[in-house]
Protein backbone atom coordinates (compact mmCIF):
# COMPACT_ATOMS: atom_id res chain seq x y z
CA ILE A 1 -16.23 -66.07 -43.28
CA THR A 2 -19.22 -67.36 -41.37
CA ALA A 3 -22.78 -67.64 -42.62
CA ASP A 4 -23.68 -64.24 -41.21
CA ALA A 5 -20.46 -62.21 -40.82
CA ILE A 6 -16.93 -61.57 -42.01
CA THR A 7 -14.51 -62.10 -39.12
CA TRP A 8 -11.38 -59.98 -39.43
CA ALA A 9 -9.48 -61.76 -36.65
CA THR A 10 -10.12 -64.31 -33.92
CA THR A 11 -7.03 -63.72 -31.75
CA ASP A 12 -5.96 -60.52 -29.96
CA GLY A 13 -3.07 -58.75 -31.58
CA VAL A 14 -3.44 -60.18 -35.09
CA GLY A 15 -6.24 -58.11 -36.58
CA ASN A 16 -5.08 -55.99 -39.46
CA GLN A 17 -6.64 -54.78 -42.71
CA VAL A 18 -9.66 -55.90 -44.74
CA TRP A 19 -10.38 -54.54 -48.19
CA PHE A 20 -12.67 -55.40 -51.05
CA SER A 21 -11.32 -55.75 -54.57
CA PRO A 22 -11.83 -54.64 -57.29
CA LYS A 23 -12.32 -50.94 -56.65
CA MET A 24 -15.91 -49.72 -56.62
CA ASP A 25 -17.24 -46.52 -58.20
CA VAL A 26 -18.87 -44.59 -55.33
CA THR A 27 -19.76 -41.46 -57.32
CA LYS A 28 -23.54 -41.88 -57.07
CA TYR A 29 -23.56 -42.57 -53.32
CA ILE A 30 -23.85 -40.11 -50.45
CA ALA A 31 -22.88 -42.58 -47.71
CA MET A 32 -21.46 -46.01 -46.97
CA HIS A 33 -22.80 -47.84 -43.92
CA ILE A 34 -20.99 -50.71 -42.21
CA GLU A 35 -22.56 -52.70 -39.40
CA LEU A 36 -19.83 -54.20 -37.25
CA GLN A 37 -18.96 -55.34 -33.77
CA CYS A 38 -15.54 -55.07 -32.17
CA GLY A 39 -14.42 -57.97 -30.02
CA THR A 40 -11.11 -57.55 -28.23
CA ARG A 41 -7.95 -55.53 -28.69
CA ASN A 42 -4.34 -56.34 -27.96
CA GLY A 43 -3.71 -55.87 -24.25
CA ASN A 44 -7.12 -54.17 -24.09
CA SER A 45 -5.22 -51.04 -25.09
CA ALA A 46 -7.20 -47.88 -25.77
CA ASN A 47 -4.58 -47.16 -28.47
CA TYR A 48 -6.22 -49.62 -30.85
CA SER A 49 -9.41 -48.85 -32.74
CA VAL A 50 -11.04 -49.49 -36.11
CA GLY A 51 -11.24 -47.26 -39.17
CA ILE A 52 -13.53 -47.72 -42.16
CA GLY A 53 -13.61 -45.88 -45.46
CA VAL A 54 -12.57 -45.65 -49.07
CA GLY A 55 -9.13 -45.05 -50.56
CA ASN A 56 -6.98 -45.25 -53.68
CA TYR A 57 -4.53 -47.91 -52.49
CA GLU A 58 -4.65 -51.36 -50.94
CA PRO A 59 -3.26 -51.61 -47.40
CA THR A 60 0.44 -52.54 -47.34
CA GLY A 61 0.93 -54.07 -43.91
CA ALA A 62 0.36 -53.90 -40.19
CA ALA A 63 -1.34 -50.65 -39.22
CA GLN A 64 -0.83 -49.33 -42.78
CA PRO A 65 -4.24 -48.77 -44.39
CA ASN A 66 -2.54 -46.19 -46.66
CA ASP A 67 -4.73 -43.35 -47.82
CA TRP A 68 -8.26 -42.47 -46.85
CA VAL A 69 -10.25 -40.39 -49.33
CA SER A 70 -13.12 -40.45 -46.83
CA SER A 71 -13.27 -42.36 -43.57
CA THR A 72 -14.61 -42.77 -40.07
CA THR A 73 -11.87 -43.70 -37.61
CA GLY A 74 -11.53 -44.21 -33.87
CA ILE A 75 -14.32 -46.81 -33.79
CA TRP A 76 -14.34 -49.01 -30.73
CA ASP A 77 -17.56 -50.59 -29.52
CA THR A 78 -18.22 -54.16 -28.47
CA SER A 79 -21.91 -53.70 -29.28
CA ARG A 80 -23.17 -54.43 -32.79
CA LYS A 81 -23.62 -50.97 -34.37
CA THR A 82 -23.76 -49.25 -37.74
CA HIS A 83 -21.08 -46.70 -38.63
CA THR A 84 -21.27 -44.28 -41.56
CA VAL A 85 -18.73 -42.84 -43.99
CA ASN A 86 -19.72 -39.63 -45.80
CA LEU A 87 -19.33 -39.98 -49.59
CA GLU A 88 -21.15 -36.82 -50.68
CA SER A 89 -18.10 -35.17 -52.27
CA VAL A 90 -16.30 -38.36 -53.32
CA THR A 91 -16.17 -39.27 -57.01
CA GLY A 92 -14.47 -42.20 -58.70
CA ALA A 93 -13.58 -45.80 -57.93
CA TYR A 94 -11.91 -46.75 -54.64
CA PHE A 95 -11.09 -49.70 -52.44
CA ILE A 96 -13.55 -50.23 -49.58
CA LYS A 97 -11.31 -50.71 -46.52
CA LEU A 98 -11.38 -51.54 -42.84
CA ALA A 99 -8.26 -50.90 -40.75
CA ALA A 100 -8.35 -52.96 -37.59
CA TYR A 101 -4.80 -53.39 -36.33
CA ALA A 102 -4.43 -55.55 -33.18
CA THR A 103 -8.19 -56.02 -32.79
CA THR A 104 -10.82 -58.68 -33.36
CA GLY A 105 -14.35 -58.31 -34.64
CA GLN A 106 -16.97 -58.98 -37.25
CA ILE A 107 -18.55 -57.15 -40.18
CA PHE A 108 -22.24 -57.99 -40.57
CA ASN A 109 -23.49 -55.72 -43.36
CA ILE A 110 -22.19 -53.12 -45.80
CA TRP A 111 -24.55 -50.97 -47.87
CA PHE A 112 -24.53 -47.72 -49.81
CA GLU A 113 -27.03 -44.89 -49.73
CA GLU A 114 -27.90 -42.93 -52.88
């Protein structure tokens, strides 16, 4: 962790999963916003991208984020941008997760919209 970002990996091919524990009740929110920037991906392969969202279970390993109750996937952008996950019909407590297998990058901000 740096002073201004959470780095999920610094070397190509080792990025994996990031999740926040304990679970968070997202019932009152309509959206989750995550500002992030992708860095590199293993072999610069278009097969690797980032997914963000909420789910019931912690990730279990490489490229295994497990379930998504709501998510935005297929993210790949080396510019610093905000991505949104729709939570309008989601009720209950979930893990906040980022799936970033074989990529590098940074998370700058996470916030919820009521």
